[in-house]
Amino acid sequence: MKTLQIYFLLVGMIIFNNSCNQSSRSVIQEFDPELESQIVDKVVHNAICWAMTKDTTTLFNTFVPDSTLFIFSPDSASTLTDFKAIRDLADNVWMTDRFKALECNIRDLRIRFSRSGDVAWYSCYLDDISEMDGLISGWRNVRWTGVLEKRQGKWLIMQMHFSYPVERFR
């Protein structure tokens, strides 16, 4: 009887060990950097270029939908610290007839991933030009960086930072 118990214990340990090894191997095999880069590229473009068509479904599915969202703009007044701020801007500014997106160009986009494959960061240059109440404004050649997290299989932007080089102000 004791030999039978030891046998079942050993078989159980072997099965458990093999399932753990298979699980860790499948996670590594599932991460395809080329495919994930294409997906992240689209999310990054959607964060700004959604405004060309005023597609709020795309906008709202691009960012983490909670208070962890943070967007640092060149001016202090435009810094956002919550997903609710995105919704408010969409409702009160971007979706009104007073606003029209005119240009969205992203250049030199670089994307990198964490070792675990669930965090990505990017950097690029952005031209984001719009019209509000007939006045054209926006950012040309602004530096744009950000961080995304993969949540429940979906890449979402958690942070974005926009800046101009100091040379621009000299």
C-alpha atoms as a PDB file:
ATOM      1  CA  MET A   1       0.000   0.000   0.000  1.00  0.00           C
ATOM      2  CA  LYS A   2       2.789   2.414   0.933  1.00  0.00           C
ATOM      3  CA  THR A   3       4.568   1.642  -2.365  1.00  0.00           C
ATOM      4  CA  LEU A   4       1.371   2.477  -4.268  1.00  0.00           C
ATOM      5  CA  GLN A   5       1.052   5.819  -2.437  1.00  0.00           C
ATOM      6  CA  ILE A   6       4.660   6.720  -3.235  1.00  0.00           C
ATOM      7  CA  TYR A   7       4.077   5.742  -6.880  1.00  0.00           C
ATOM      8  CA  PHE A   8       1.019   8.035  -7.173  1.00  0.00           C
ATOM      9  CA  LEU A   9       2.841  10.851  -5.391  1.00  0.00           C
ATOM     10  CA  LEU A  10       5.768  10.598  -7.832  1.00  0.00           C
ATOM     11  CA  VAL A  11       3.451  10.448 -10.870  1.00  0.00           C
ATOM     12  CA  GLY A  12       1.573  13.500  -9.567  1.00  0.00           C
ATOM     13  CA  MET A  13       4.796  15.434  -9.064  1.00  0.00           C
ATOM     14  CA  ILE A  14       5.995  14.574 -12.575  1.00  0.00           C
ATOM     15  CA  ILE A  15       2.684  15.657 -14.128  1.00  0.00           C
ATOM     16  CA  PHE A  16       2.689  18.886 -12.118  1.00  0.00           C
ATOM     17  CA  ASN A  17       6.296  19.639 -13.060  1.00  0.00           C
ATOM     18  CA  ASN A  18       5.637  19.000 -16.763  1.00  0.00           C
ATOM     19  CA  SER A  19       2.528  21.173 -16.775  1.00  0.00           C
ATOM     20  CA  CYS A  20       4.479  24.032 -15.167  1.00  0.00           C
ATOM     21  CA  ASN A  21       7.233  23.684 -17.760  1.00  0.00           C
ATOM     22  CA  GLN A  22       4.723  23.599 -20.627  1.00  0.00           C
ATOM     23  CA  SER A  23       2.950  26.665 -19.239  1.00  0.00           C
ATOM     24  CA  SER A  24       6.116  28.743 -19.047  1.00  0.00           C
ATOM     25  CA  ARG A  25       7.210  27.613 -22.513  1.00  0.00           C
ATOM     26  CA  SER A  26       3.850  28.498 -24.084  1.00  0.00           C
ATOM     27  CA  VAL A  27       3.979  32.039 -22.671  1.00  0.00           C
ATOM     28  CA  ILE A  28       7.415  32.556 -24.198  1.00  0.00           C
ATOM     29  CA  GLN A  29       6.361  31.029 -27.531  1.00  0.00           C
ATOM     30  CA  GLU A  30       3.173  33.111 -27.717  1.00  0.00           C
ATOM     31  CA  PHE A  31       5.017  36.450 -27.646  1.00  0.00           C
ATOM     32  CA  ASP A  32       5.758  37.483 -31.215  1.00  0.00           C
ATOM     33  CA  PRO A  33       7.628  40.828 -31.129  1.00  0.00           C
ATOM     34  CA  GLU A  34       6.889  41.601 -34.777  1.00  0.00           C
ATOM     35  CA  LEU A  35       3.154  41.009 -34.395  1.00  0.00           C
ATOM     36  CA  GLU A  36       3.000  42.821 -31.050  1.00  0.00           C
ATOM     37  CA  SER A  37       4.893  45.784 -32.568  1.00  0.00           C
ATOM     38  CA  GLN A  38       2.281  46.061 -35.313  1.00  0.00           C
ATOM     39  CA  ILE A  39      -0.517  46.031 -32.738  1.00  0.00           C
ATOM     40  CA  VAL A  40       1.186  48.625 -30.517  1.00  0.00           C
ATOM     41  CA  ASP A  41       1.898  50.777 -33.590  1.00  0.00           C
ATOM     42  CA  LYS A  42      -1.839  50.827 -34.362  1.00  0.00           C
ATOM     43  CA  VAL A  43      -2.741  51.702 -30.757  1.00  0.00           C
ATOM     44  CA  VAL A  44      -0.236  54.577 -30.765  1.00  0.00           C
ATOM     45  CA  HIS A  45      -1.639  55.915 -34.036  1.00  0.00           C
ATOM     46  CA  ASN A  46      -5.203  55.541 -32.738  1.00  0.00           C
ATOM     47  CA  ALA A  47      -4.410  57.669 -29.681  1.00  0.00           C
ATOM     48  CA  ILE A  48      -4.194  60.807 -31.845  1.00  0.00           C
ATOM     49  CA  CYS A  49      -5.418  59.930 -35.335  1.00  0.00           C
ATOM     50  CA  TRP A  50      -8.851  58.780 -34.126  1.00  0.00           C
ATOM     51  CA  ALA A  51      -9.826  62.473 -34.282  1.00  0.00           C
ATOM     52  CA  MET A  52      -9.578  62.536 -38.081  1.00  0.00           C
ATOM     53  CA  THR A  53     -12.822  60.503 -38.182  1.00  0.00           C
ATOM     54  CA  LYS A  54     -14.110  61.386 -34.684  1.00  0.00           C
ATOM     55  CA  ASP A  55     -14.308  57.677 -33.847  1.00  0.00           C
ATOM     56  CA  THR A  56     -14.744  57.724 -30.061  1.00  0.00           C
ATOM     57  CA  THR A  57     -14.962  53.928 -29.870  1.00  0.00           C
ATOM     58  CA  THR A  58     -11.371  53.808 -31.102  1.00  0.00           C
ATOM     59  CA  LEU A  59     -10.388  56.619 -28.721  1.00  0.00           C
ATOM     60  CA  PHE A  60     -11.931  55.009 -25.648  1.00  0.00           C
ATOM     61  CA  ASN A  61     -10.445  51.577 -26.482  1.00  0.00           C
ATOM     62  CA  THR A  62      -6.934  53.025 -26.723  1.00  0.00           C
ATOM     63  CA  PHE A  63      -6.377  54.106 -23.105  1.00  0.00           C
ATOM     64  CA  VAL A  64      -6.567  52.410 -19.709  1.00  0.00           C
ATOM     65  CA  PRO A  65     -10.115  53.188 -18.538  1.00  0.00           C
ATOM     66  CA  ASP A  66      -9.209  54.206 -15.001  1.00  0.00           C
ATOM     67  CA  SER A  67      -7.380  56.673 -12.779  1.00  0.00           C
ATOM     68  CA  THR A  68      -3.923  55.296 -13.665  1.00  0.00           C
ATOM     69  CA  LEU A  69      -3.961  57.167 -16.993  1.00  0.00           C
ATOM     70  CA  PHE A  70      -1.504  60.076 -17.074  1.00  0.00           C
ATOM     71  CA  ILE A  71      -0.804  62.467 -19.951  1.00  0.00           C
ATOM     72  CA  PHE A  72       1.934  65.096 -19.617  1.00  0.00           C
ATOM     73  CA  SER A  73       1.628  67.938 -22.140  1.00  0.00           C
ATOM     74  CA  PRO A  74       4.080  70.741 -22.925  1.00  0.00           C
ATOM     75  CA  ASP A  75       1.790  73.192 -21.149  1.00  0.00           C
ATOM     76  CA  SER A  76       0.612  72.596 -17.586  1.00  0.00           C
ATOM     77  CA  ALA A  77      -3.038  73.293 -18.372  1.00  0.00           C
ATOM     78  CA  SER A  78      -3.301  70.290 -20.713  1.00  0.00           C
ATOM     79  CA  THR A  79      -1.937  67.635 -18.343  1.00  0.00           C
ATOM     80  CA  LEU A  80      -4.517  64.874 -17.720  1.00  0.00           C
ATOM     81  CA  THR A  81      -4.599  62.492 -14.767  1.00  0.00           C
ATOM     82  CA  ASP A  82      -7.602  60.242 -15.330  1.00  0.00           C
ATOM     83  CA  PHE A  83      -9.562  58.510 -18.093  1.00  0.00           C
ATOM     84  CA  LYS A  84     -12.565  60.640 -17.155  1.00  0.00           C
ATOM     85  CA  ALA A  85     -10.663  63.681 -18.482  1.00  0.00           C
ATOM     86  CA  ILE A  86     -10.446  62.002 -21.912  1.00  0.00           C
ATOM     87  CA  ARG A  87     -14.205  61.400 -21.902  1.00  0.00           C
ATOM     88  CA  ASP A  88     -14.884  65.005 -20.861  1.00  0.00           C
ATOM     89  CA  LEU A  89     -12.657  66.401 -23.614  1.00  0.00           C
ATOM     90  CA  ALA A  90     -14.298  64.137 -26.178  1.00  0.00           C
ATOM     91  CA  ASP A  91     -17.802  65.224 -25.142  1.00  0.00           C
ATOM     92  CA  ASN A  92     -17.107  68.927 -24.673  1.00  0.00           C
ATOM     93  CA  VAL A  93     -14.444  69.677 -27.285  1.00  0.00           C
ATOM     94  CA  TRP A  94     -13.434  67.055 -29.842  1.00  0.00           C
ATOM     95  CA  MET A  95     -16.927  65.839 -30.760  1.00  0.00           C
ATOM     96  CA  THR A  96     -18.400  69.328 -31.138  1.00  0.00           C
ATOM     97  CA  ASP A  97     -18.852  71.010 -34.520  1.00  0.00           C
ATOM     98  CA  ARG A  98     -16.374  73.660 -33.351  1.00  0.00           C
ATOM     99  CA  PHE A  99     -13.466  71.154 -33.520  1.00  0.00           C
ATOM    100  CA  LYS A 100     -11.940  69.599 -36.630  1.00  0.00           C
ATOM    101  CA  ALA A 101      -8.778  67.480 -36.805  1.00  0.00           C
ATOM    102  CA  LEU A 102      -6.687  68.527 -39.810  1.00  0.00           C
ATOM    103  CA  GLU A 103      -3.447  66.570 -39.617  1.00  0.00           C
ATOM    104  CA  CYS A 104      -2.028  63.566 -37.785  1.00  0.00           C
ATOM    105  CA  ASN A 105       1.474  62.502 -38.765  1.00  0.00           C
ATOM    106  CA  ILE A 106       3.680  60.193 -36.711  1.00  0.00           C
ATOM    107  CA  ARG A 107       7.345  59.776 -37.637  1.00  0.00           C
ATOM    108  CA  ASP A 108      10.298  57.717 -36.442  1.00  0.00           C
ATOM    109  CA  LEU A 109       8.171  55.511 -34.200  1.00  0.00           C
ATOM    110  CA  ARG A 110      10.304  53.221 -32.029  1.00  0.00           C
ATOM    111  CA  ILE A 111       8.663  50.496 -29.941  1.00  0.00           C
ATOM    112  CA  ARG A 112      10.294  48.351 -27.239  1.00  0.00           C
ATOM    113  CA  PHE A 113       8.950  45.623 -24.940  1.00  0.00           C
ATOM    114  CA  SER A 114       9.665  44.461 -21.406  1.00  0.00           C
ATOM    115  CA  ARG A 115      11.148  41.001 -20.937  1.00  0.00           C
ATOM    116  CA  SER A 116       7.798  39.764 -19.694  1.00  0.00           C
ATOM    117  CA  GLY A 117       6.100  41.045 -22.863  1.00  0.00           C
ATOM    118  CA  ASP A 118       3.259  42.815 -21.062  1.00  0.00           C
ATOM    119  CA  VAL A 119       4.690  46.360 -21.078  1.00  0.00           C
ATOM    120  CA  ALA A 120       5.716  48.408 -24.108  1.00  0.00           C
ATOM    121  CA  TRP A 121       7.107  51.897 -24.509  1.00  0.00           C
ATOM    122  CA  TYR A 122       7.472  54.070 -27.566  1.00  0.00           C
ATOM    123  CA  SER A 123       8.957  57.308 -28.832  1.00  0.00           C
ATOM    124  CA  CYS A 124       8.298  59.288 -32.003  1.00  0.00           C
ATOM    125  CA  TYR A 125       7.734  62.731 -33.481  1.00  0.00           C
ATOM    126  CA  LEU A 126       4.202  63.996 -33.958  1.00  0.00           C
ATOM    127  CA  ASP A 127       2.384  66.611 -36.001  1.00  0.00           C
ATOM    128  CA  ASP A 128      -1.107  67.047 -34.534  1.00  0.00           C
ATOM    129  CA  ILE A 129      -2.922  69.994 -36.131  1.00  0.00           C
ATOM    130  CA  SER A 130      -6.559  70.927 -35.592  1.00  0.00           C
ATOM    131  CA  GLU A 131      -9.022  73.743 -35.988  1.00  0.00           C
ATOM    132  CA  MET A 132     -11.140  75.085 -33.135  1.00  0.00           C
ATOM    133  CA  ASP A 133     -13.664  77.852 -33.712  1.00  0.00           C
ATOM    134  CA  GLY A 134     -11.960  78.608 -37.023  1.00  0.00           C
ATOM    135  CA  LEU A 135      -8.479  78.976 -35.490  1.00  0.00           C
ATOM    136  CA  ILE A 136      -5.766  76.527 -36.526  1.00  0.00           C
ATOM    137  CA  SER A 137      -3.534  75.260 -33.739  1.00  0.00           C
ATOM    138  CA  GLY A 138      -1.685  72.182 -32.607  1.00  0.00           C
ATOM    139  CA  TRP A 139       1.733  70.657 -32.311  1.00  0.00           C
ATOM    140  CA  ARG A 140       4.300  70.316 -35.057  1.00  0.00           C
ATOM    141  CA  ASN A 141       7.372  68.134 -34.577  1.00  0.00           C
ATOM    142  CA  VAL A 142       6.594  67.509 -30.908  1.00  0.00           C
ATOM    143  CA  ARG A 143       8.409  64.643 -29.177  1.00  0.00           C
ATOM    144  CA  TRP A 144       5.957  62.008 -28.002  1.00  0.00           C
ATOM    145  CA  THR A 145       6.718  59.089 -25.692  1.00  0.00           C
ATOM    146  CA  GLY A 146       4.462  56.705 -23.857  1.00  0.00           C
ATOM    147  CA  VAL A 147       3.948  53.464 -21.988  1.00  0.00           C
ATOM    148  CA  LEU A 148       1.416  50.738 -22.731  1.00  0.00           C
ATOM    149  CA  GLU A 149       0.335  47.772 -20.651  1.00  0.00           C
ATOM    150  CA  LYS A 150      -1.210  44.592 -21.983  1.00  0.00           C
ATOM    151  CA  ARG A 151      -4.376  44.023 -19.976  1.00  0.00           C
ATOM    152  CA  GLN A 152      -6.512  40.967 -20.628  1.00  0.00           C
ATOM    153  CA  GLY A 153      -4.764  40.496 -23.970  1.00  0.00           C
ATOM    154  CA  LYS A 154      -5.247  44.100 -25.122  1.00  0.00           C
ATOM    155  CA  TRP A 155      -2.589  46.840 -25.399  1.00  0.00           C
ATOM    156  CA  LEU A 156      -3.676  50.065 -23.661  1.00  0.00           C
ATOM    157  CA  ILE A 157      -1.853  53.356 -23.224  1.00  0.00           C
ATOM    158  CA  MET A 158      -1.142  54.179 -19.567  1.00  0.00           C
ATOM    159  CA  GLN A 159       1.067  57.241 -19.954  1.00  0.00           C
ATOM    160  CA  MET A 160       1.911  59.733 -22.675  1.00  0.00           C
ATOM    161  CA  HIS A 161       4.438  62.554 -22.562  1.00  0.00           C
ATOM    162  CA  PHE A 162       4.674  65.366 -25.108  1.00  0.00           C
ATOM    163  CA  SER A 163       7.586  67.808 -25.195  1.00  0.00           C
ATOM    164  CA  TYR A 164       9.503  70.229 -27.353  1.00  0.00           C
ATOM    165  CA  PRO A 165      13.295  70.360 -27.422  1.00  0.00           C
ATOM    166  CA  VAL A 166      14.748  73.296 -25.502  1.00  0.00           C
ATOM    167  CA  GLU A 167      16.421  74.532 -28.708  1.00  0.00           C
ATOM    168  CA  ARG A 168      12.998  75.499 -30.006  1.00  0.00           C
ATOM    169  CA  PHE A 169      12.761  78.231 -27.384  1.00  0.00           C
ATOM    170  CA  ARG A 170      16.189  79.817 -27.923  1.00  0.00           C
END
